[in-house]
């Protein structure tokens, strides 16, 4: 029996929160395309793993708190907060030991229980402000 999109999304986020990067292998298609650009990260399946490895390296307690999941057709939308303690280099910024907590939204198109496309928004400007390396609004 096929899993519904909300269940698949929750499984993925829960797994990543526990440091289980095998979620990329089981939940992301080989032909995956990421439409959210992140410096130095390729927009493909390997890039998804690279992104989470980078985040876990910079923020060892990295976690995503899911606020809500909506699904319709072949798409699932996840509104979440991304947080952690900055203990490793991140985008050229040496560790500050500061806490970050920023909002994000993911839109994921799913085929055969695997993500095939992703559009996302993460408030990187707010994250850099919280790290003390960018001015506030």
N, C-alpha and C. Protein backbone atom coordinates (compact mmCIF):
# COMPACT_ATOMS: atom_id res chain seq x y z
N UNK A 1 0.84 -1.18 0.00
CA UNK A 1 0.00 0.00 0.00
C UNK A 1 0.89 1.25 0.00
N UNK A 2 0.56 2.20 -0.85
CA UNK A 2 1.35 3.42 -0.98
C UNK A 2 1.15 4.32 0.25
N UNK A 3 2.23 4.97 0.65
CA UNK A 3 2.16 5.91 1.77
C UNK A 3 1.65 7.25 1.25
N UNK A 4 0.91 7.96 2.11
CA UNK A 4 0.45 9.28 1.67
C UNK A 4 1.61 10.27 1.78
N UNK A 5 1.47 11.40 1.09
CA UNK A 5 2.55 12.38 0.99
C UNK A 5 2.92 12.97 2.35
N UNK A 6 1.94 13.18 3.21
CA UNK A 6 2.23 13.75 4.53
C UNK A 6 3.09 12.79 5.35
N UNK A 7 2.77 11.51 5.28
CA UNK A 7 3.56 10.49 6.00
C UNK A 7 4.98 10.44 5.47
N UNK A 8 5.14 10.45 4.15
CA UNK A 8 6.48 10.42 3.55
C UNK A 8 7.30 11.63 3.99
N UNK A 9 6.70 12.81 3.96
CA UNK A 9 7.42 14.02 4.37
C UNK A 9 7.82 13.95 5.83
N UNK A 10 6.89 13.55 6.69
CA UNK A 10 7.20 13.48 8.12
C UNK A 10 8.31 12.48 8.40
N UNK A 11 8.29 11.34 7.71
CA UNK A 11 9.36 10.34 7.85
C UNK A 11 10.72 10.95 7.51
N UNK A 12 10.75 11.69 6.39
CA UNK A 12 12.00 12.29 5.94
C UNK A 12 12.54 13.27 6.98
N UNK A 13 11.71 14.21 7.42
CA UNK A 13 12.15 15.21 8.38
C UNK A 13 12.54 14.57 9.71
N UNK A 14 11.78 13.59 10.17
CA UNK A 14 12.12 12.90 11.42
C UNK A 14 13.47 12.20 11.29
N UNK A 15 13.70 11.52 10.17
CA UNK A 15 14.96 10.82 9.96
C UNK A 15 16.15 11.78 9.94
N UNK A 16 16.01 12.86 9.19
CA UNK A 16 17.08 13.86 9.12
C UNK A 16 17.35 14.44 10.51
N UNK A 17 16.29 14.69 11.28
CA UNK A 17 16.46 15.23 12.63
C UNK A 17 17.25 14.29 13.53
N UNK A 18 17.20 13.00 13.23
CA UNK A 18 17.95 12.01 14.01
C UNK A 18 19.31 11.70 13.37
N UNK A 19 19.69 12.49 12.36
CA UNK A 19 20.99 12.29 11.73
C UNK A 19 21.04 11.16 10.74
N UNK A 20 19.88 10.64 10.34
CA UNK A 20 19.82 9.50 9.42
C UNK A 20 19.78 10.00 7.97
N UNK A 21 20.97 10.18 7.38
CA UNK A 21 21.03 10.67 6.01
C UNK A 21 20.68 9.62 4.97
N UNK A 22 20.40 8.38 5.42
CA UNK A 22 19.91 7.37 4.47
C UNK A 22 18.52 7.76 3.97
N UNK A 23 17.88 8.72 4.64
CA UNK A 23 16.59 9.24 4.17
C UNK A 23 16.72 9.79 2.75
N UNK A 24 17.89 10.33 2.43
CA UNK A 24 18.12 10.84 1.07
C UNK A 24 18.04 9.68 0.09
N UNK A 25 18.64 8.54 0.44
CA UNK A 25 18.63 7.37 -0.45
C UNK A 25 17.23 6.82 -0.65
N UNK A 26 16.42 6.80 0.40
CA UNK A 26 15.10 6.16 0.33
C UNK A 26 13.97 7.10 -0.08
N UNK A 27 14.17 8.42 0.05
CA UNK A 27 13.07 9.35 -0.19
C UNK A 27 13.32 10.34 -1.34
N UNK A 28 14.49 10.27 -1.97
CA UNK A 28 14.81 11.20 -3.06
C UNK A 28 15.13 10.39 -4.32
N UNK A 29 14.49 10.77 -5.43
CA UNK A 29 14.67 10.06 -6.71
C UNK A 29 16.03 10.38 -7.32
N UNK A 30 16.52 9.46 -8.15
CA UNK A 30 17.80 9.66 -8.83
C UNK A 30 17.78 10.88 -9.74
N UNK A 31 16.63 11.17 -10.33
CA UNK A 31 16.51 12.29 -11.28
C UNK A 31 16.00 13.57 -10.59
N UNK A 32 16.18 13.66 -9.29
CA UNK A 32 15.73 14.79 -8.49
C UNK A 32 16.33 16.11 -9.00
N UNK A 33 15.51 17.17 -8.98
CA UNK A 33 15.96 18.52 -9.34
C UNK A 33 15.58 19.46 -8.21
N UNK A 34 16.57 20.23 -7.74
CA UNK A 34 16.31 21.22 -6.69
C UNK A 34 16.27 22.61 -7.33
N UNK A 35 15.19 23.32 -7.13
CA UNK A 35 15.04 24.67 -7.68
C UNK A 35 15.43 25.74 -6.68
N UNK A 36 15.82 25.35 -5.46
CA UNK A 36 16.31 26.29 -4.45
C UNK A 36 17.83 26.29 -4.53
N UNK A 37 18.40 27.41 -4.88
CA UNK A 37 19.85 27.48 -5.00
C UNK A 37 20.49 27.72 -3.65
N UNK A 38 21.57 26.99 -3.38
CA UNK A 38 22.35 27.19 -2.17
C UNK A 38 23.82 27.17 -2.60
N UNK A 39 24.61 28.16 -2.20
CA UNK A 39 26.00 28.27 -2.68
C UNK A 39 26.80 26.98 -2.54
N UNK A 40 27.37 26.55 -3.67
CA UNK A 40 28.26 25.40 -3.67
C UNK A 40 27.57 24.04 -3.62
N UNK A 41 26.23 24.02 -3.66
CA UNK A 41 25.50 22.76 -3.57
C UNK A 41 24.86 22.46 -4.93
N UNK A 42 25.16 21.31 -5.54
CA UNK A 42 24.54 20.99 -6.82
C UNK A 42 23.03 20.73 -6.65
N UNK A 43 22.23 21.07 -7.66
CA UNK A 43 20.77 20.95 -7.54
C UNK A 43 20.25 19.54 -7.86
N UNK A 44 20.86 18.52 -7.26
CA UNK A 44 20.48 17.14 -7.55
C UNK A 44 20.45 16.32 -6.25
N UNK A 45 20.25 15.01 -6.40
CA UNK A 45 20.17 14.13 -5.22
C UNK A 45 21.44 14.21 -4.37
N UNK A 46 22.60 14.20 -5.01
CA UNK A 46 23.86 14.30 -4.26
C UNK A 46 23.91 15.61 -3.48
N UNK A 47 23.34 16.66 -4.06
CA UNK A 47 23.32 17.95 -3.39
C UNK A 47 22.46 17.95 -2.14
N UNK A 48 21.38 17.17 -2.14
CA UNK A 48 20.54 17.06 -0.95
C UNK A 48 21.36 16.50 0.21
N UNK A 49 22.08 15.43 -0.05
CA UNK A 49 22.94 14.84 0.98
C UNK A 49 24.02 15.84 1.40
N UNK A 50 24.63 16.50 0.43
CA UNK A 50 25.69 17.47 0.73
C UNK A 50 25.15 18.60 1.60
N UNK A 51 23.93 19.07 1.32
CA UNK A 51 23.33 20.14 2.12
C UNK A 51 23.18 19.71 3.57
N UNK A 52 22.61 18.52 3.79
CA UNK A 52 22.40 18.08 5.17
C UNK A 52 23.71 17.74 5.87
N UNK A 53 24.70 17.24 5.14
CA UNK A 53 26.02 17.01 5.74
C UNK A 53 26.63 18.34 6.17
N UNK A 54 26.50 19.38 5.32
CA UNK A 54 27.02 20.70 5.64
C UNK A 54 26.32 21.27 6.87
N UNK A 55 25.00 21.16 6.90
CA UNK A 55 24.24 21.70 8.04
C UNK A 55 24.60 20.97 9.33
N UNK A 56 24.73 19.65 9.28
CA UNK A 56 25.08 18.87 10.48
C UNK A 56 26.50 19.18 10.93
N UNK A 57 27.39 19.47 9.99
CA UNK A 57 28.77 19.80 10.33
C UNK A 57 28.84 21.17 11.01
N UNK A 58 28.08 22.13 10.50
CA UNK A 58 28.09 23.49 11.05
C UNK A 58 27.22 23.59 12.31
N UNK A 59 26.13 22.83 12.34
CA UNK A 59 25.17 22.85 13.45
C UNK A 59 24.92 21.41 13.88
N UNK A 60 25.77 20.83 14.73
CA UNK A 60 25.66 19.42 15.08
C UNK A 60 24.29 19.03 15.66
N UNK A 61 23.61 19.99 16.29
CA UNK A 61 22.27 19.72 16.83
C UNK A 61 21.18 20.20 15.87
N UNK A 62 21.52 20.31 14.59
CA UNK A 62 20.58 20.75 13.55
C UNK A 62 19.26 19.99 13.65
N UNK A 63 18.18 20.75 13.57
CA UNK A 63 16.85 20.12 13.59
C UNK A 63 15.86 20.98 12.83
N UNK A 64 14.85 20.32 12.33
CA UNK A 64 13.76 20.98 11.63
C UNK A 64 12.48 20.69 12.41
N UNK A 65 11.84 21.73 12.89
CA UNK A 65 10.58 21.57 13.61
C UNK A 65 9.44 21.81 12.64
N UNK A 66 8.71 20.76 12.33
CA UNK A 66 7.61 20.86 11.37
C UNK A 66 6.41 21.52 12.05
N UNK A 67 5.95 22.62 11.46
CA UNK A 67 4.76 23.31 11.96
C UNK A 67 3.49 22.77 11.30
N UNK A 68 3.58 22.54 9.99
CA UNK A 68 2.42 21.95 9.31
C UNK A 68 2.84 21.35 7.99
N UNK A 69 2.06 20.36 7.56
CA UNK A 69 2.28 19.70 6.29
C UNK A 69 0.95 19.71 5.53
N UNK A 70 1.00 20.17 4.30
CA UNK A 70 -0.18 20.19 3.44
C UNK A 70 0.14 19.38 2.20
N UNK A 71 -0.84 18.66 1.68
CA UNK A 71 -0.60 17.86 0.48
C UNK A 71 -1.80 17.96 -0.45
N UNK A 72 -1.48 18.03 -1.74
CA UNK A 72 -2.52 18.00 -2.76
C UNK A 72 -1.89 17.49 -4.05
N UNK A 73 -2.58 16.57 -4.69
CA UNK A 73 -2.06 15.99 -5.92
C UNK A 73 -0.73 15.31 -5.67
N UNK A 74 0.28 15.71 -6.45
CA UNK A 74 1.61 15.09 -6.30
C UNK A 74 2.58 15.99 -5.54
N UNK A 75 2.04 17.01 -4.84
CA UNK A 75 2.91 17.94 -4.11
C UNK A 75 2.60 17.96 -2.62
N UNK A 76 3.65 18.17 -1.84
CA UNK A 76 3.53 18.32 -0.39
C UNK A 76 4.26 19.59 0.00
N UNK A 77 3.65 20.36 0.90
CA UNK A 77 4.23 21.62 1.38
C UNK A 77 4.49 21.47 2.87
N UNK A 78 5.71 21.81 3.28
CA UNK A 78 6.09 21.71 4.69
C UNK A 78 6.54 23.09 5.15
N UNK A 79 5.87 23.58 6.20
CA UNK A 79 6.28 24.83 6.85
C UNK A 79 6.97 24.44 8.13
N UNK A 80 8.21 24.92 8.30
CA UNK A 80 9.02 24.48 9.44
C UNK A 80 9.92 25.58 9.94
N UNK A 81 10.54 25.31 11.08
CA UNK A 81 11.63 26.14 11.60
C UNK A 81 12.89 25.29 11.57
N UNK A 82 13.99 25.92 11.22
CA UNK A 82 15.28 25.26 11.15
C UNK A 82 16.14 25.86 12.27
N UNK A 83 16.74 25.00 13.09
CA UNK A 83 17.51 25.53 14.20
C UNK A 83 18.74 24.70 14.51
N UNK A 84 19.59 25.28 15.35
CA UNK A 84 20.77 24.58 15.81
C UNK A 84 21.78 25.55 16.40
N UNK A 85 22.87 24.98 16.91
CA UNK A 85 23.95 25.76 17.52
C UNK A 85 25.14 25.77 16.58
N UNK A 86 25.64 26.94 16.24
CA UNK A 86 26.71 27.11 15.26
C UNK A 86 28.06 26.71 15.87
N UNK A 87 28.48 25.47 15.62
CA UNK A 87 29.72 24.94 16.20
C UNK A 87 30.77 24.59 15.15
N UNK A 88 30.44 24.79 13.86
CA UNK A 88 31.39 24.52 12.78
C UNK A 88 31.25 25.61 11.73
N UNK A 89 32.23 25.70 10.83
CA UNK A 89 32.19 26.73 9.79
C UNK A 89 30.92 26.59 8.95
N UNK A 90 30.34 27.74 8.60
CA UNK A 90 29.12 27.77 7.78
C UNK A 90 29.22 28.94 6.82
N UNK A 91 29.25 28.64 5.53
CA UNK A 91 29.36 29.66 4.48
C UNK A 91 30.50 30.64 4.77
N UNK A 92 31.62 30.09 5.21
CA UNK A 92 32.80 30.90 5.48
C UNK A 92 32.82 31.57 6.83
N UNK A 93 31.79 31.37 7.63
CA UNK A 93 31.71 31.99 8.95
C UNK A 93 32.23 30.98 9.98
N UNK A 94 33.30 31.34 10.72
CA UNK A 94 33.79 30.42 11.75
C UNK A 94 32.76 30.25 12.86
N UNK A 95 32.87 29.17 13.64
CA UNK A 95 31.89 28.90 14.69
C UNK A 95 31.70 30.09 15.64
N UNK A 96 30.44 30.37 15.96
CA UNK A 96 30.11 31.47 16.88
C UNK A 96 29.50 30.94 18.17
N UNK A 97 29.11 29.66 18.18
CA UNK A 97 28.41 29.04 19.30
C UNK A 97 27.05 29.69 19.57
N UNK A 98 26.53 30.43 18.59
CA UNK A 98 25.22 31.06 18.73
C UNK A 98 24.13 30.13 18.23
N UNK A 99 22.97 30.28 18.83
CA UNK A 99 21.77 29.52 18.41
C UNK A 99 21.14 30.24 17.22
N UNK A 100 20.66 29.47 16.26
CA UNK A 100 19.87 30.04 15.16
C UNK A 100 18.52 29.35 15.14
N UNK A 101 17.53 30.09 14.69
CA UNK A 101 16.19 29.54 14.51
C UNK A 101 15.51 30.39 13.44
N UNK A 102 15.34 29.80 12.26
CA UNK A 102 14.75 30.53 11.14
C UNK A 102 13.62 29.71 10.51
N UNK A 103 12.73 30.42 9.88
CA UNK A 103 11.59 29.78 9.24
C UNK A 103 11.95 29.32 7.84
N UNK A 104 11.28 28.28 7.39
CA UNK A 104 11.48 27.77 6.03
C UNK A 104 10.22 27.12 5.51
N UNK A 105 10.13 27.05 4.20
CA UNK A 105 9.01 26.38 3.54
C UNK A 105 9.59 25.53 2.41
N UNK A 106 9.17 24.28 2.35
CA UNK A 106 9.55 23.38 1.26
C UNK A 106 8.30 23.00 0.49
N UNK A 107 8.41 22.98 -0.83
CA UNK A 107 7.38 22.43 -1.70
C UNK A 107 8.07 21.30 -2.46
N UNK A 108 7.51 20.11 -2.37
CA UNK A 108 8.15 18.93 -2.94
C UNK A 108 7.17 18.20 -3.84
N UNK A 109 7.60 17.92 -5.07
CA UNK A 109 6.79 17.09 -5.97
C UNK A 109 7.28 15.66 -5.81
N UNK A 110 6.32 14.74 -5.67
CA UNK A 110 6.62 13.34 -5.38
C UNK A 110 6.12 12.46 -6.51
N UNK A 111 6.93 11.46 -6.86
CA UNK A 111 6.55 10.43 -7.82
C UNK A 111 7.03 9.09 -7.26
N UNK A 112 6.15 8.12 -7.20
CA UNK A 112 6.50 6.78 -6.70
C UNK A 112 7.17 6.84 -5.33
N UNK A 113 6.59 7.66 -4.44
CA UNK A 113 7.04 7.80 -3.05
C UNK A 113 8.44 8.38 -2.90
N UNK A 114 8.92 9.10 -3.91
CA UNK A 114 10.23 9.76 -3.83
C UNK A 114 10.13 11.19 -4.34
N UNK A 115 10.87 12.07 -3.70
CA UNK A 115 10.91 13.46 -4.12
C UNK A 115 11.60 13.56 -5.48
N UNK A 116 10.96 14.26 -6.42
CA UNK A 116 11.56 14.46 -7.74
C UNK A 116 11.88 15.93 -8.01
N UNK A 117 11.21 16.84 -7.30
CA UNK A 117 11.50 18.26 -7.42
C UNK A 117 11.30 18.93 -6.08
N UNK A 118 12.06 20.01 -5.86
CA UNK A 118 11.95 20.77 -4.61
C UNK A 118 12.08 22.26 -4.91
N UNK A 119 11.19 23.03 -4.32
CA UNK A 119 11.28 24.48 -4.30
C UNK A 119 11.26 24.85 -2.83
N UNK A 120 12.12 25.75 -2.43
CA UNK A 120 12.14 26.08 -1.01
C UNK A 120 12.57 27.50 -0.74
N UNK A 121 12.23 27.92 0.46
CA UNK A 121 12.63 29.24 0.95
C UNK A 121 13.12 29.05 2.38
N UNK A 122 14.35 29.45 2.63
CA UNK A 122 14.89 29.44 3.99
C UNK A 122 15.41 30.85 4.24
N UNK A 123 15.14 31.38 5.39
CA UNK A 123 15.52 32.75 5.70
C UNK A 123 17.00 32.82 6.09
N UNK A 124 17.86 32.71 5.07
CA UNK A 124 19.30 32.72 5.30
C UNK A 124 19.75 34.08 5.83
N UNK A 125 19.11 35.16 5.39
CA UNK A 125 19.47 36.50 5.90
C UNK A 125 19.27 36.56 7.41
N UNK A 126 18.14 36.04 7.89
CA UNK A 126 17.89 36.03 9.34
C UNK A 126 18.92 35.15 10.05
N UNK A 127 19.29 34.04 9.42
CA UNK A 127 20.29 33.16 10.03
C UNK A 127 21.62 33.90 10.17
N UNK A 128 22.03 34.62 9.12
CA UNK A 128 23.30 35.35 9.18
C UNK A 128 23.23 36.48 10.21
N UNK A 129 22.06 37.10 10.37
CA UNK A 129 21.88 38.12 11.41
C UNK A 129 22.02 37.49 12.79
N UNK A 130 21.41 36.32 12.98
CA UNK A 130 21.49 35.64 14.27
C UNK A 130 22.91 35.20 14.59
N UNK A 131 23.70 34.93 13.56
CA UNK A 131 25.11 34.56 13.76
C UNK A 131 25.98 35.79 14.00
N UNK A 132 25.40 36.98 13.79
CA UNK A 132 26.13 38.22 14.05
C UNK A 132 27.02 38.67 12.91
N UNK A 133 26.79 38.13 11.70
CA UNK A 133 27.66 38.50 10.58
C UNK A 133 26.93 39.35 9.52
N UNK A 134 25.67 39.68 9.79
CA UNK A 134 24.92 40.55 8.88
C UNK A 134 24.09 41.51 9.73
N UNK A 135 23.92 42.71 9.18
CA UNK A 135 23.13 43.71 9.89
C UNK A 135 21.66 43.35 9.85
N UNK A 136 20.93 43.78 10.86
CA UNK A 136 19.50 43.57 10.91
C UNK A 136 18.76 44.46 9.93
N UNK A 137 17.47 44.29 9.84
CA UNK A 137 16.68 45.08 8.87
C UNK A 137 16.70 46.56 9.21
